[in-house]
Amino acid sequence: MLHAIANYKTDTMIGIFKTNIATPAERQHMIRVIHAHFDVDTCYVDIEDCDKVLRITDMKVDEYTMMAFVRQQGFLCEILE
């Protein structure tokens, strides 16, 4: 079951994930590698939030591919319920 929500266009997906990305350096690294490997619009990690929310707009890959990629980078990544 996908929890990404459709935006104003039917082919636009928003991924919202719980992570353990905790520092500005980790956030910068993760945003940089996501943009380097995937076609996404915006990518943001709220390190002040208790769930360290990673929000990606206009994802062209499924959530499970993105979660696996973030985990390969050494971080926790789960669909935010």
PDB file of N, CA and C in Angstrom:
ATOM      1  N   MET A   1       0.841  -1.171   0.000  1.00  0.00           N
ATOM      2  CA  MET A   1       0.000   0.000   0.000  1.00  0.00           C
ATOM      3  C   MET A   1       0.887   1.235   0.000  1.00  0.00           C
ATOM      4  N   LEU A   2       0.654   2.130  -0.913  1.00  0.00           N
ATOM      5  CA  LEU A   2       1.442   3.347  -1.009  1.00  0.00           C
ATOM      6  C   LEU A   2       0.790   4.464  -0.217  1.00  0.00           C
ATOM      7  N   HIS A   3       1.604   5.156   0.572  1.00  0.00           N
ATOM      8  CA  HIS A   3       1.106   6.283   1.331  1.00  0.00           C
ATOM      9  C   HIS A   3       1.465   7.620   0.694  1.00  0.00           C
ATOM     10  N   ALA A   4       2.195   7.578  -0.413  1.00  0.00           N
ATOM     11  CA  ALA A   4       2.461   8.831  -1.109  1.00  0.00           C
ATOM     12  C   ALA A   4       1.124   9.372  -1.588  1.00  0.00           C
ATOM     13  N   ILE A   5       0.980  10.659  -1.530  1.00  0.00           N
ATOM     14  CA  ILE A   5      -0.300  11.239  -1.900  1.00  0.00           C
ATOM     15  C   ILE A   5      -0.179  11.972  -3.222  1.00  0.00           C
ATOM     16  N   ALA A   6      -1.219  11.918  -4.003  1.00  0.00           N
ATOM     17  CA  ALA A   6      -1.231  12.615  -5.281  1.00  0.00           C
ATOM     18  C   ALA A   6      -1.350  14.105  -5.032  1.00  0.00           C
ATOM     19  N   ASN A   7      -0.600  14.853  -5.762  1.00  0.00           N
ATOM     20  CA  ASN A   7      -0.647  16.303  -5.669  1.00  0.00           C
ATOM     21  C   ASN A   7      -1.656  16.793  -6.701  1.00  0.00           C
ATOM     22  N   TYR A   8      -1.490  18.008  -7.176  1.00  0.00           N
ATOM     23  CA  TYR A   8      -2.447  18.584  -8.108  1.00  0.00           C
ATOM     24  C   TYR A   8      -2.457  17.902  -9.455  1.00  0.00           C
ATOM     25  N   LYS A   9      -1.387  17.209  -9.839  1.00  0.00           N
ATOM     26  CA  LYS A   9      -1.349  16.434 -11.072  1.00  0.00           C
ATOM     27  C   LYS A   9      -1.416  14.955 -10.698  1.00  0.00           C
ATOM     28  N   THR A  10      -2.066  14.155 -11.494  1.00  0.00           N
ATOM     29  CA  THR A  10      -2.244  12.747 -11.147  1.00  0.00           C
ATOM     30  C   THR A  10      -0.944  11.964 -11.163  1.00  0.00           C
ATOM     31  N   ASP A  11       0.066  12.428 -11.901  1.00  0.00           N
ATOM     32  CA  ASP A  11       1.328  11.699 -11.960  1.00  0.00           C
ATOM     33  C   ASP A  11       2.364  12.250 -10.986  1.00  0.00           C
ATOM     34  N   THR A  12       1.979  13.178 -10.135  1.00  0.00           N
ATOM     35  CA  THR A  12       2.888  13.774  -9.171  1.00  0.00           C
ATOM     36  C   THR A  12       2.694  13.103  -7.818  1.00  0.00           C
ATOM     37  N   MET A  13       3.776  12.522  -7.295  1.00  0.00           N
ATOM     38  CA  MET A  13       3.698  11.833  -6.020  1.00  0.00           C
ATOM     39  C   MET A  13       4.555  12.548  -4.981  1.00  0.00           C
ATOM     40  N   ILE A  14       4.077  12.517  -3.756  1.00  0.00           N
ATOM     41  CA  ILE A  14       4.817  13.062  -2.631  1.00  0.00           C
ATOM     42  C   ILE A  14       5.126  11.909  -1.690  1.00  0.00           C
ATOM     43  N   GLY A  15       6.397  11.708  -1.392  1.00  0.00           N
ATOM     44  CA  GLY A  15       6.798  10.684  -0.447  1.00  0.00           C
ATOM     45  C   GLY A  15       7.083  11.324   0.898  1.00  0.00           C
ATOM     46  N   ILE A  16       6.543  10.747   1.954  1.00  0.00           N
ATOM     47  CA  ILE A  16       6.752  11.255   3.302  1.00  0.00           C
ATOM     48  C   ILE A  16       7.239  10.092   4.158  1.00  0.00           C
ATOM     49  N   PHE A  17       8.458  10.248   4.691  1.00  0.00           N
ATOM     50  CA  PHE A  17       9.121   9.150   5.376  1.00  0.00           C
ATOM     51  C   PHE A  17       9.630   9.562   6.753  1.00  0.00           C
ATOM     52  N   LYS A  18       9.641   8.614   7.664  1.00  0.00           N
ATOM     53  CA  LYS A  18      10.271   8.775   8.971  1.00  0.00           C
ATOM     54  C   LYS A  18      11.720   8.322   8.820  1.00  0.00           C
ATOM     55  N   THR A  19      12.665   9.135   9.312  1.00  0.00           N
ATOM     56  CA  THR A  19      14.081   8.793   9.202  1.00  0.00           C
ATOM     57  C   THR A  19      14.787   9.027  10.539  1.00  0.00           C
ATOM     58  N   ASN A  20      16.083   8.783  10.541  1.00  0.00           N
ATOM     59  CA  ASN A  20      16.915   9.153  11.683  1.00  0.00           C
ATOM     60  C   ASN A  20      18.021  10.109  11.251  1.00  0.00           C
ATOM     61  N   ILE A  21      17.779  10.850  10.191  1.00  0.00           N
ATOM     62  CA  ILE A  21      18.717  11.868   9.715  1.00  0.00           C
ATOM     63  C   ILE A  21      18.678  13.009  10.726  1.00  0.00           C
ATOM     64  N   ALA A  22      19.795  13.242  11.423  1.00  0.00           N
ATOM     65  CA  ALA A  22      19.739  14.102  12.603  1.00  0.00           C
ATOM     66  C   ALA A  22      20.539  15.398  12.522  1.00  0.00           C
ATOM     67  N   THR A  23      21.515  15.471  11.652  1.00  0.00           N
ATOM     68  CA  THR A  23      22.365  16.660  11.637  1.00  0.00           C
ATOM     69  C   THR A  23      22.220  17.412  10.312  1.00  0.00           C
ATOM     70  N   PRO A  24      22.584  18.688  10.307  1.00  0.00           N
ATOM     71  CA  PRO A  24      22.560  19.424   9.038  1.00  0.00           C
ATOM     72  C   PRO A  24      23.454  18.792   7.968  1.00  0.00           C
ATOM     73  N   ALA A  25      24.594  18.245   8.363  1.00  0.00           N
ATOM     74  CA  ALA A  25      25.486  17.602   7.386  1.00  0.00           C
ATOM     75  C   ALA A  25      24.851  16.347   6.796  1.00  0.00           C
ATOM     76  N   GLU A  26      24.207  15.539   7.637  1.00  0.00           N
ATOM     77  CA  GLU A  26      23.511  14.345   7.140  1.00  0.00           C
ATOM     78  C   GLU A  26      22.372  14.743   6.211  1.00  0.00           C
ATOM     79  N   ARG A  27      21.635  15.787   6.589  1.00  0.00           N
ATOM     80  CA  ARG A  27      20.535  16.271   5.746  1.00  0.00           C
ATOM     81  C   ARG A  27      21.057  16.715   4.386  1.00  0.00           C
ATOM     82  N   GLN A  28      22.116  17.506   4.390  1.00  0.00           N
ATOM     83  CA  GLN A  28      22.680  18.004   3.134  1.00  0.00           C
ATOM     84  C   GLN A  28      23.153  16.849   2.254  1.00  0.00           C
ATOM     85  N   HIS A  29      23.832  15.878   2.857  1.00  0.00           N
ATOM     86  CA  HIS A  29      24.303  14.712   2.108  1.00  0.00           C
ATOM     87  C   HIS A  29      23.132  13.952   1.483  1.00  0.00           C
ATOM     88  N   MET A  30      22.102  13.677   2.283  1.00  0.00           N
ATOM     89  CA  MET A  30      20.982  12.882   1.789  1.00  0.00           C
ATOM     90  C   MET A  30      20.240  13.600   0.668  1.00  0.00           C
ATOM     91  N   ILE A  31      20.020  14.887   0.819  1.00  0.00           N
ATOM     92  CA  ILE A  31      19.349  15.654  -0.236  1.00  0.00           C
ATOM     93  C   ILE A  31      20.178  15.628  -1.514  1.00  0.00           C
ATOM     94  N   ARG A  32      21.479  15.803  -1.377  1.00  0.00           N
ATOM     95  CA  ARG A  32      22.366  15.811  -2.545  1.00  0.00           C
ATOM     96  C   ARG A  32      22.341  14.469  -3.277  1.00  0.00           C
ATOM     97  N   VAL A  33      22.435  13.353  -2.541  1.00  0.00           N
ATOM     98  CA  VAL A  33      22.473  12.054  -3.224  1.00  0.00           C
ATOM     99  C   VAL A  33      21.112  11.670  -3.799  1.00  0.00           C
ATOM    100  N   ILE A  34      20.030  12.072  -3.156  1.00  0.00           N
ATOM    101  CA  ILE A  34      18.701  11.809  -3.735  1.00  0.00           C
ATOM    102  C   ILE A  34      18.562  12.537  -5.058  1.00  0.00           C
ATOM    103  N   HIS A  35      18.935  13.818  -5.086  1.00  0.00           N
ATOM    104  CA  HIS A  35      18.854  14.584  -6.340  1.00  0.00           C
ATOM    105  C   HIS A  35      19.792  14.026  -7.409  1.00  0.00           C
ATOM    106  N   ALA A  36      20.919  13.466  -7.006  1.00  0.00           N
ATOM    107  CA  ALA A  36      21.871  12.916  -7.971  1.00  0.00           C
ATOM    108  C   ALA A  36      21.396  11.603  -8.578  1.00  0.00           C
ATOM    109  N   HIS A  37      20.580  10.841  -7.835  1.00  0.00           N
ATOM    110  CA  HIS A  37      20.180   9.513  -8.290  1.00  0.00           C
ATOM    111  C   HIS A  37      18.744   9.403  -8.786  1.00  0.00           C
ATOM    112  N   PHE A  38      17.909  10.377  -8.436  1.00  0.00           N
ATOM    113  CA  PHE A  38      16.493  10.291  -8.799  1.00  0.00           C
ATOM    114  C   PHE A  38      15.997  11.600  -9.384  1.00  0.00           C
ATOM    115  N   ASP A  39      14.989  11.480 -10.223  1.00  0.00           N
ATOM    116  CA  ASP A  39      14.321  12.650 -10.779  1.00  0.00           C
ATOM    117  C   ASP A  39      13.210  13.058  -9.812  1.00  0.00           C
ATOM    118  N   VAL A  40      13.519  14.027  -8.951  1.00  0.00           N
ATOM    119  CA  VAL A  40      12.547  14.541  -7.981  1.00  0.00           C
ATOM    120  C   VAL A  40      12.522  16.057  -8.084  1.00  0.00           C
ATOM    121  N   ASP A  41      11.451  16.648  -7.584  1.00  0.00           N
ATOM    122  CA  ASP A  41      11.359  18.103  -7.592  1.00  0.00           C
ATOM    123  C   ASP A  41      12.065  18.655  -6.361  1.00  0.00           C
ATOM    124  N   THR A  42      11.415  18.575  -5.213  1.00  0.00           N
ATOM    125  CA  THR A  42      12.036  19.072  -3.990  1.00  0.00           C
ATOM    126  C   THR A  42      12.234  17.932  -3.006  1.00  0.00           C
ATOM    127  N   CYS A  43      13.193  18.129  -2.150  1.00  0.00           N
ATOM    128  CA  CYS A  43      13.529  17.136  -1.141  1.00  0.00           C
ATOM    129  C   CYS A  43      13.917  17.907   0.108  1.00  0.00           C
ATOM    130  N   TYR A  44      13.321  17.543   1.237  1.00  0.00           N
ATOM    131  CA  TYR A  44      13.589  18.256   2.481  1.00  0.00           C
ATOM    132  C   TYR A  44      13.557  17.288   3.653  1.00  0.00           C
ATOM    133  N   VAL A  45      14.444  17.512   4.620  1.00  0.00           N
ATOM    134  CA  VAL A  45      14.437  16.736   5.855  1.00  0.00           C
ATOM    135  C   VAL A  45      14.266  17.709   7.011  1.00  0.00           C
ATOM    136  N   ASP A  46      13.223  17.493   7.799  1.00  0.00           N
ATOM    137  CA  ASP A  46      12.967  18.326   8.971  1.00  0.00           C
ATOM    138  C   ASP A  46      13.659  17.687  10.169  1.00  0.00           C
ATOM    139  N   ILE A  47      14.902  18.101  10.446  1.00  0.00           N
ATOM    140  CA  ILE A  47      15.662  17.490  11.539  1.00  0.00           C
ATOM    141  C   ILE A  47      15.173  17.947  12.907  1.00  0.00           C
ATOM    142  N   GLU A  48      14.310  18.944  12.958  1.00  0.00           N
ATOM    143  CA  GLU A  48      13.740  19.397  14.230  1.00  0.00           C
ATOM    144  C   GLU A  48      12.523  18.555  14.633  1.00  0.00           C
ATOM    145  N   ASP A  49      11.893  17.896  13.688  1.00  0.00           N
ATOM    146  CA  ASP A  49      10.719  17.069  13.955  1.00  0.00           C
ATOM    147  C   ASP A  49      11.146  15.776  14.644  1.00  0.00           C
ATOM    148  N   CYS A  50      10.313  15.252  15.541  1.00  0.00           N
ATOM    149  CA  CYS A  50      10.659  14.017  16.259  1.00  0.00           C
ATOM    150  C   CYS A  50      10.812  12.827  15.316  1.00  0.00           C
ATOM    151  N   ASP A  51      10.149  12.853  14.158  1.00  0.00           N
ATOM    152  CA  ASP A  51      10.253  11.760  13.185  1.00  0.00           C
ATOM    153  C   ASP A  51      11.295  12.026  12.104  1.00  0.00           C
ATOM    154  N   LYS A  52      11.994  13.151  12.208  1.00  0.00           N
ATOM    155  CA  LYS A  52      13.025  13.513  11.213  1.00  0.00           C
ATOM    156  C   LYS A  52      12.479  13.298   9.795  1.00  0.00           C
ATOM    157  N   VAL A  53      11.362  13.933   9.512  1.00  0.00           N
ATOM    158  CA  VAL A  53      10.586  13.674   8.297  1.00  0.00           C
ATOM    159  C   VAL A  53      11.353  14.060   7.034  1.00  0.00           C
ATOM    160  N   LEU A  54      11.433  13.103   6.125  1.00  0.00           N
ATOM    161  CA  LEU A  54      11.955  13.312   4.784  1.00  0.00           C
ATOM    162  C   LEU A  54      10.747  13.451   3.868  1.00  0.00           C
ATOM    163  N   ARG A  55      10.661  14.577   3.173  1.00  0.00           N
ATOM    164  CA  ARG A  55       9.541  14.842   2.268  1.00  0.00           C
ATOM    165  C   ARG A  55      10.094  15.071   0.872  1.00  0.00           C
ATOM    166  N   ILE A  56       9.608  14.285  -0.073  1.00  0.00           N
ATOM    167  CA  ILE A  56      10.083  14.369  -1.453  1.00  0.00           C
ATOM    168  C   ILE A  56       8.876  14.599  -2.356  1.00  0.00           C
ATOM    169  N   THR A  57       8.934  15.652  -3.156  1.00  0.00           N
ATOM    170  CA  THR A  57       7.830  15.927  -4.077  1.00  0.00           C
ATOM    171  C   THR A  57       8.211  15.521  -5.493  1.00  0.00           C
ATOM    172  N   ASP A  58       7.194  15.178  -6.232  1.00  0.00           N
ATOM    173  CA  ASP A  58       7.319  14.774  -7.632  1.00  0.00           C
ATOM    174  C   ASP A  58       8.262  13.581  -7.797  1.00  0.00           C
ATOM    175  N   MET A  59       8.046  12.569  -6.942  1.00  0.00           N
ATOM    176  CA  MET A  59       8.839  11.340  -7.045  1.00  0.00           C
ATOM    177  C   MET A  59       8.436  10.560  -8.287  1.00  0.00           C
ATOM    178  N   LYS A  60       9.412  10.066  -8.989  1.00  0.00           N
ATOM    179  CA  LYS A  60       9.151   9.250 -10.180  1.00  0.00           C
ATOM    180  C   LYS A  60       9.392   7.772  -9.912  1.00  0.00           C
ATOM    181  N   VAL A  61       9.774   7.432  -8.656  1.00  0.00           N
ATOM    182  CA  VAL A  61       9.986   6.035  -8.263  1.00  0.00           C
ATOM    183  C   VAL A  61       9.022   5.700  -7.137  1.00  0.00           C
ATOM    184  N   ASP A  62       8.825   4.419  -6.909  1.00  0.00           N
ATOM    185  CA  ASP A  62       7.924   4.025  -5.829  1.00  0.00           C
ATOM    186  C   ASP A  62       8.611   4.219  -4.477  1.00  0.00           C
ATOM    187  N   GLU A  63       7.817   4.257  -3.433  1.00  0.00           N
ATOM    188  CA  GLU A  63       8.321   4.518  -2.087  1.00  0.00           C
ATOM    189  C   GLU A  63       9.316   3.467  -1.617  1.00  0.00           C
ATOM    190  N   TYR A  64       9.115   2.222  -1.997  1.00  0.00           N
ATOM    191  CA  TYR A  64       9.985   1.155  -1.538  1.00  0.00           C
ATOM    192  C   TYR A  64      11.380   1.274  -2.140  1.00  0.00           C
ATOM    193  N   THR A  65      11.478   1.726  -3.367  1.00  0.00           N
ATOM    194  CA  THR A  65      12.771   1.984  -3.988  1.00  0.00           C
ATOM    195  C   THR A  65      13.485   3.113  -3.257  1.00  0.00           C
ATOM    196  N   MET A  66      12.737   4.173  -2.924  1.00  0.00           N
ATOM    197  CA  MET A  66      13.339   5.297  -2.218  1.00  0.00           C
ATOM    198  C   MET A  66      13.777   4.893  -0.814  1.00  0.00           C
ATOM    199  N   MET A  67      12.953   4.119  -0.112  1.00  0.00           N
ATOM    200  CA  MET A  67      13.326   3.665   1.226  1.00  0.00           C
ATOM    201  C   MET A  67      14.593   2.816   1.180  1.00  0.00           C
ATOM    202  N   ALA A  68      14.687   1.917   0.216  1.00  0.00           N
ATOM    203  CA  ALA A  68      15.875   1.071   0.081  1.00  0.00           C
ATOM    204  C   ALA A  68      17.109   1.922  -0.185  1.00  0.00           C
ATOM    205  N   PHE A  69      16.970   2.948  -0.997  1.00  0.00           N
ATOM    206  CA  PHE A  69      18.101   3.819  -1.307  1.00  0.00           C
ATOM    207  C   PHE A  69      18.572   4.571  -0.060  1.00  0.00           C
ATOM    208  N   VAL A  70      17.644   5.137   0.686  1.00  0.00           N
ATOM    209  CA  VAL A  70      18.009   5.866   1.908  1.00  0.00           C
ATOM    210  C   VAL A  70      18.677   4.922   2.904  1.00  0.00           C
ATOM    211  N   ARG A  71      18.168   3.712   3.010  1.00  0.00           N
ATOM    212  CA  ARG A  71      18.774   2.723   3.910  1.00  0.00           C
ATOM    213  C   ARG A  71      20.184   2.357   3.461  1.00  0.00           C
ATOM    214  N   GLN A  72      20.406   2.290   2.154  1.00  0.00           N
ATOM    215  CA  GLN A  72      21.750   2.010   1.639  1.00  0.00           C
ATOM    216  C   GLN A  72      22.733   3.115   2.033  1.00  0.00           C
ATOM    217  N   GLN A  73      22.207   4.299   2.258  1.00  0.00           N
ATOM    218  CA  GLN A  73      23.047   5.423   2.692  1.00  0.00           C
ATOM    219  C   GLN A  73      23.324   5.371   4.192  1.00  0.00           C
ATOM    220  N   GLY A  74      22.741   4.404   4.890  1.00  0.00           N
ATOM    221  CA  GLY A  74      23.011   4.205   6.307  1.00  0.00           C
ATOM    222  C   GLY A  74      21.987   4.790   7.260  1.00  0.00           C
ATOM    223  N   PHE A  75      20.821   5.161   6.742  1.00  0.00           N
ATOM    224  CA  PHE A  75      19.800   5.776   7.580  1.00  0.00           C
ATOM    225  C   PHE A  75      18.549   4.910   7.665  1.00  0.00           C
ATOM    226  N   LEU A  76      17.843   5.057   8.752  1.00  0.00           N
ATOM    227  CA  LEU A  76      16.517   4.482   8.905  1.00  0.00           C
ATOM    228  C   LEU A  76      15.597   5.183   7.919  1.00  0.00           C
ATOM    229  N   CYS A  77      14.678   4.459   7.318  1.00  0.00           N
ATOM    230  CA  CYS A  77      13.698   5.093   6.438  1.00  0.00           C
ATOM    231  C   CYS A  77      12.453   4.214   6.396  1.00  0.00           C
ATOM    232  N   GLU A  78      11.336   4.767   6.863  1.00  0.00           N
ATOM    233  CA  GLU A  78      10.065   4.055   6.876  1.00  0.00           C
ATOM    234  C   GLU A  78       8.970   4.994   6.385  1.00  0.00           C
ATOM    235  N   ILE A  79       7.919   4.417   5.857  1.00  0.00           N
ATOM    236  CA  ILE A  79       6.759   5.223   5.473  1.00  0.00           C
ATOM    237  C   ILE A  79       6.179   5.818   6.746  1.00  0.00           C
ATOM    238  N   LEU A  80       5.942   7.111   6.726  1.00  0.00           N
ATOM    239  CA  LEU A  80       5.359   7.775   7.891  1.00  0.00           C
ATOM    240  C   LEU A  80       3.872   7.463   7.927  1.00  0.00           C
ATOM    241  N   GLU A  81       3.433   6.815   8.982  1.00  0.00           N
ATOM    242  CA  GLU A  81       2.028   6.439   9.135  1.00  0.00           C
ATOM    243  C   GLU A  81       1.226   7.577   9.689  1.00  0.00           C
TER     244      GLU A  81
END
